[in-house]
Protein backbone atom coordinates (compact mmCIF):
# COMPACT_ATOMS: atom_id res chain seq x y z
CA UNK A 1 -0.10 -0.36 -0.01
CA UNK A 2 1.22 3.62 -0.57
CA UNK A 3 2.72 5.17 2.98
CA UNK A 4 0.46 7.43 4.89
CA UNK A 5 1.78 10.67 5.01
CA UNK A 6 0.45 13.30 6.93
CA UNK A 7 -2.21 15.44 5.66
CA UNK A 8 -1.78 19.17 5.58
CA UNK A 9 -5.31 20.90 6.48
CA UNK A 10 -5.81 24.70 6.26
CA UNK A 11 -7.97 26.35 8.34
CA UNK A 12 -10.89 28.51 6.84
CA UNK A 13 -11.63 30.03 10.06
CA UNK A 14 -8.37 31.00 11.69
CA UNK A 15 -6.30 30.75 8.64
CA UNK A 16 -3.81 28.32 9.91
CA UNK A 17 -2.32 24.91 8.98
CA UNK A 18 -2.31 21.63 10.90
CA UNK A 19 -0.98 18.49 10.35
CA UNK A 20 -3.36 15.44 10.92
CA UNK A 21 -1.59 11.45 10.02
CA UNK A 22 -5.06 9.95 9.58
CA UNK A 23 -5.90 5.76 9.91
CA UNK A 24 -4.93 3.40 6.92
CA UNK A 25 -7.04 0.69 9.06
CA UNK A 26 -9.75 0.73 10.90
CA UNK A 27 -10.68 -2.98 13.23
CA UNK A 28 -13.47 -2.70 14.36
CA UNK A 29 -13.37 -6.34 16.31
CA UNK A 30 -10.19 -4.19 18.22
CA UNK A 31 -12.40 -0.74 18.30
CA UNK A 32 -15.83 -1.46 17.80
CA UNK A 33 -16.02 2.51 19.03
CA UNK A 34 -14.73 3.12 15.74
CA UNK A 35 -17.58 1.92 13.44
CA UNK A 36 -20.59 4.60 14.66
CA UNK A 37 -17.41 7.23 13.46
CA UNK A 38 -16.87 5.52 10.01
CA UNK A 39 -20.91 5.29 9.82
CA UNK A 40 -21.45 8.78 10.69
CA UNK A 41 -18.23 10.04 8.64
CA UNK A 42 -16.69 11.86 12.31
CA UNK A 43 -13.26 9.96 11.68
CA UNK A 44 -13.39 12.30 8.41
CA UNK A 45 -13.64 15.68 10.32
CA UNK A 46 -11.18 16.99 13.11
CA UNK A 47 -10.61 19.35 15.40
CA UNK A 48 -8.42 22.62 13.96
CA UNK A 49 -6.03 22.59 17.61
CA UNK A 50 -6.54 26.86 17.27
CA UNK A 51 -9.55 27.21 17.16
CA UNK A 52 -11.98 24.23 17.37
CA UNK A 53 -13.10 24.40 13.60
CA UNK A 54 -14.38 21.19 12.55
CA UNK A 55 -12.43 20.16 9.44
CA UNK A 56 -13.44 17.68 6.86
CA UNK A 57 -10.41 15.73 6.29
CA UNK A 58 -10.84 13.00 2.92
CA UNK A 59 -8.04 10.11 3.38
CA UNK A 60 -8.43 6.53 2.00
CA UNK A 61 -8.80 3.40 4.83
CA UNK A 62 -9.39 0.02 5.16
CA UNK A 63 -12.53 -0.86 7.35
CA UNK A 64 -11.78 -4.35 8.75
CA UNK A 65 -14.86 -6.76 10.24
CA UNK A 66 -13.12 -10.11 11.18
CA UNK A 67 -16.18 -11.36 13.17
CA UNK A 68 -17.77 -11.20 9.83
CA UNK A 69 -14.52 -11.90 7.55
CA UNK A 70 -15.65 -8.32 5.83
CA UNK A 71 -12.89 -5.78 4.36
CA UNK A 72 -13.98 -2.77 3.00
CA UNK A 73 -11.45 -0.66 0.84
CA UNK A 74 -12.43 2.88 0.55
CA UNK A 75 -9.34 5.13 -1.56
CA UNK A 76 -9.87 8.80 -2.20
CA UNK A 77 -7.39 8.24 -5.11
CA UNK A 78 -7.02 6.37 -8.01
CA UNK A 79 -3.09 5.51 -7.48
CA UNK A 80 -4.16 4.40 -3.94
CA UNK A 81 -6.92 2.23 -5.22
CA UNK A 82 -4.83 0.63 -8.00
CA UNK A 83 -2.21 -0.18 -5.30
CA UNK A 84 -4.89 -1.52 -3.08
CA UNK A 85 -5.87 -3.40 -5.86
CA UNK A 86 -2.93 -5.27 -6.74
CA UNK A 87 -2.63 -6.05 -3.41
CA UNK A 88 -6.03 -8.14 -3.16
CA UNK A 89 -6.14 -9.14 -6.72
CA UNK A 90 -2.74 -8.78 -8.16
CA UNK A 91 -0.62 -11.75 -9.48
CA UNK A 92 1.70 -11.57 -6.94
CA UNK A 93 -0.38 -10.91 -3.60
CA UNK A 94 0.86 -11.80 -0.42
CA UNK A 95 0.44 -15.19 1.31
CA UNK A 96 -1.32 -13.13 4.30
CA UNK A 97 -3.83 -11.40 1.50
CA UNK A 98 -4.30 -15.57 0.05
CA UNK A 99 -5.23 -16.48 3.56
CA UNK A 100 -8.12 -14.00 3.17
CA UNK A 101 -9.76 -15.45 0.23
CA UNK A 102 -9.37 -19.24 1.56
CA UNK A 103 -11.46 -18.11 4.44
CA UNK A 104 -13.90 -16.52 2.71
CA UNK A 105 -13.34 -12.89 3.17
CA UNK A 106 -15.94 -10.52 1.94
CA UNK A 107 -13.73 -7.94 0.17
CA UNK A 108 -15.49 -4.53 -1.55
CA UNK A 109 -14.04 -1.87 -2.66
CA UNK A 110 -15.68 1.55 -2.89
CA UNK A 111 -15.32 5.29 -4.11
CA UNK A 112 -16.89 7.60 -1.65
CA UNK A 113 -17.38 7.58 2.19
CA UNK A 114 -21.17 6.99 1.08
CA UNK A 115 -20.35 3.93 -0.30
CA UNK A 116 -18.84 2.84 2.46
CA UNK A 117 -21.04 3.40 4.97
CA UNK A 118 -23.39 1.78 2.96
CA UNK A 119 -21.81 -1.36 2.52
CA UNK A 120 -21.25 -1.34 6.19
CA UNK A 121 -24.88 -1.25 6.81
CA UNK A 122 -25.73 -3.63 4.16
CA UNK A 123 -23.06 -5.64 5.67
CA UNK A 124 -24.59 -5.62 9.40
CA UNK A 125 -28.31 -6.08 7.87
CA UNK A 126 -27.28 -9.57 6.84
CA UNK A 127 -28.17 -8.65 3.06
CA UNK A 128 -26.55 -9.22 0.08
CA UNK A 129 -24.87 -5.88 -1.63
CA UNK A 130 -25.56 -7.85 -5.30
CA UNK A 131 -29.27 -8.05 -4.72
CA UNK A 132 -29.51 -4.20 -3.16
CA UNK A 133 -27.64 -3.20 -6.00
CA UNK A 134 -30.54 -5.11 -8.39
CA UNK A 135 -33.31 -3.80 -5.98
CA UNK A 136 -32.30 -0.67 -6.05
CA UNK A 137 -31.80 -0.74 -10.05
CA UNK A 138 -35.56 -1.59 -10.26
CA UNK A 139 -36.45 1.58 -8.54
CA UNK A 140 -34.40 3.97 -10.20
CA UNK A 141 -35.81 2.39 -13.34
CA UNK A 142 -38.81 3.42 -12.37
CA UNK A 143 -38.33 6.72 -10.40
CA UNK A 144 -37.19 7.83 -14.02
CA UNK A 145 -40.30 6.54 -15.61
CA UNK A 146 -42.08 8.42 -12.99
CA UNK A 147 -39.93 11.70 -13.86
CA UNK A 148 -38.28 11.96 -16.77
CA UNK A 149 -37.59 15.42 -15.92
CA UNK A 150 -34.59 14.23 -14.08
CA UNK A 151 -31.43 12.62 -16.30
CA UNK A 152 -29.73 11.48 -12.60
CA UNK A 153 -30.10 10.19 -9.85
CA UNK A 154 -27.70 8.19 -7.29
CA UNK A 155 -29.18 5.01 -4.77
CA UNK A 156 -28.24 4.18 -1.39
CA UNK A 157 -29.57 1.51 0.88
CA UNK A 158 -30.37 2.91 4.74
CA UNK A 159 -31.56 2.21 7.81
CA UNK A 160 -33.42 3.80 10.37
CA UNK A 161 -35.37 2.22 13.49
CA UNK A 162 -34.68 -1.01 12.50
CA UNK A 163 -35.81 -0.82 8.72
CA UNK A 164 -34.19 -0.47 5.30
CA UNK A 165 -34.57 1.83 2.86
CA UNK A 166 -33.28 2.82 -0.28
CA UNK A 167 -33.19 6.40 -0.65
CA UNK A 168 -33.04 8.06 -4.53
CA UNK A 169 -30.83 11.16 -4.84
CA UNK A 170 -32.09 12.94 -8.49
CA UNK A 171 -29.77 15.41 -9.13
CA UNK A 172 -31.15 18.87 -8.38
CA UNK A 173 -33.97 17.47 -6.75
CA UNK A 174 -35.37 16.18 -3.54
CA UNK A 175 -34.41 12.44 -2.26
CA UNK A 176 -37.44 10.07 -2.59
CA UNK A 177 -37.17 7.30 -0.17
CA UNK A 178 -38.98 3.76 -0.26
CA UNK A 179 -38.81 0.79 1.81
CA UNK A 180 -37.24 -2.77 1.28
CA UNK A 181 -39.78 -4.59 0.42
CA UNK A 182 -39.35 -7.93 1.72
CA UNK A 183 -41.11 -10.08 -1.02
CA UNK A 184 -39.41 -7.89 -3.93
CA UNK A 185 -35.97 -8.68 -2.48
CA UNK A 186 -37.16 -11.77 -1.59
CA UNK A 187 -37.86 -12.16 -5.65
CA UNK A 188 -35.04 -10.93 -6.70
CA UNK A 189 -32.68 -13.72 -4.38
CA UNK A 190 -35.35 -16.34 -5.91
CA UNK A 191 -34.53 -15.33 -9.93
CA UNK A 192 -31.00 -14.49 -9.75
CA UNK A 193 -28.83 -16.08 -7.00
CA UNK A 194 -28.51 -19.12 -8.91
CA UNK A 195 -26.74 -17.24 -11.50
CA UNK A 196 -24.56 -15.44 -8.43
CA UNK A 197 -21.10 -16.98 -7.37
CA UNK A 198 -20.22 -17.67 -3.68
CA UNK A 199 -20.50 -13.44 -2.47
CA UNK A 200 -16.20 -13.68 -1.73
CA UNK A 201 -15.49 -14.48 -5.44
CA UNK A 202 -17.28 -11.70 -7.10
CA UNK A 203 -14.89 -9.16 -6.65
CA UNK A 204 -14.52 -6.02 -5.07
CA UNK A 205 -16.87 -3.83 -7.10
CA UNK A 206 -20.44 -4.03 -6.56
CA UNK A 207 -21.97 -1.14 -7.05
CA UNK A 208 -25.41 0.14 -9.46
CA UNK A 209 -22.60 -0.26 -12.87
CA UNK A 210 -22.25 -3.88 -11.80
CA UNK A 211 -25.57 -4.30 -11.68
CA UNK A 212 -26.24 -2.79 -14.94
CA UNK A 213 -23.85 -4.92 -16.12
CA UNK A 214 -25.08 -8.28 -14.74
CA UNK A 215 -28.92 -7.50 -16.11
CA UNK A 216 -27.39 -7.21 -19.73
CA UNK A 217 -25.61 -10.07 -18.88
CA UNK A 218 -28.28 -12.18 -17.66
CA UNK A 219 -31.02 -10.66 -19.27
CA UNK A 220 -33.50 -7.66 -18.05
CA UNK A 221 -36.60 -9.58 -18.84
CA UNK A 222 -35.98 -12.30 -15.92
CA UNK A 223 -37.78 -9.26 -13.63
């Protein structure tokens, strides 16, 4: 992995600079209190040592849940992501990484802090993120059909009070939230599970683009 370097942060309030050393990896099995900070994004905020202003910092971090045998890599740059990919999926990966695959580790790569918290939320809910992505495609397709005035939208899985939701965020529009319908989720599992490999074999990129590519390959008519 690229060497972790200190980040120089400029405070917009007092104008002073401060140094911050980011965490390269977080094990919530060893430090369970860190999970909340990852989920609410507070690990990406620091206080200015001079005036106390809250400052946003962006950096790559590996989330590790040993109990669930899960690793989620958030990379803030293409360079870091490329190096991380080579570490896990390169031809010359080390034995320690090979052992993770043998143990059936669930490994995902994400491109945003929001994507990181979403993957953790899906994992903790005991859901298959591939099925969730297919579910999201269904809702986004219906959203565009009902709202042709929007050209782009992103969808995320969120939870509140023990209930799962899909939140669709249209560009230049208000978010639309829809409850996860267990029967529809189960129907997607029934249709596509036989065509899905073991989750740990799938590869690290499971997102809306993966779902679109999968449907093109397997046939959208199945839905």
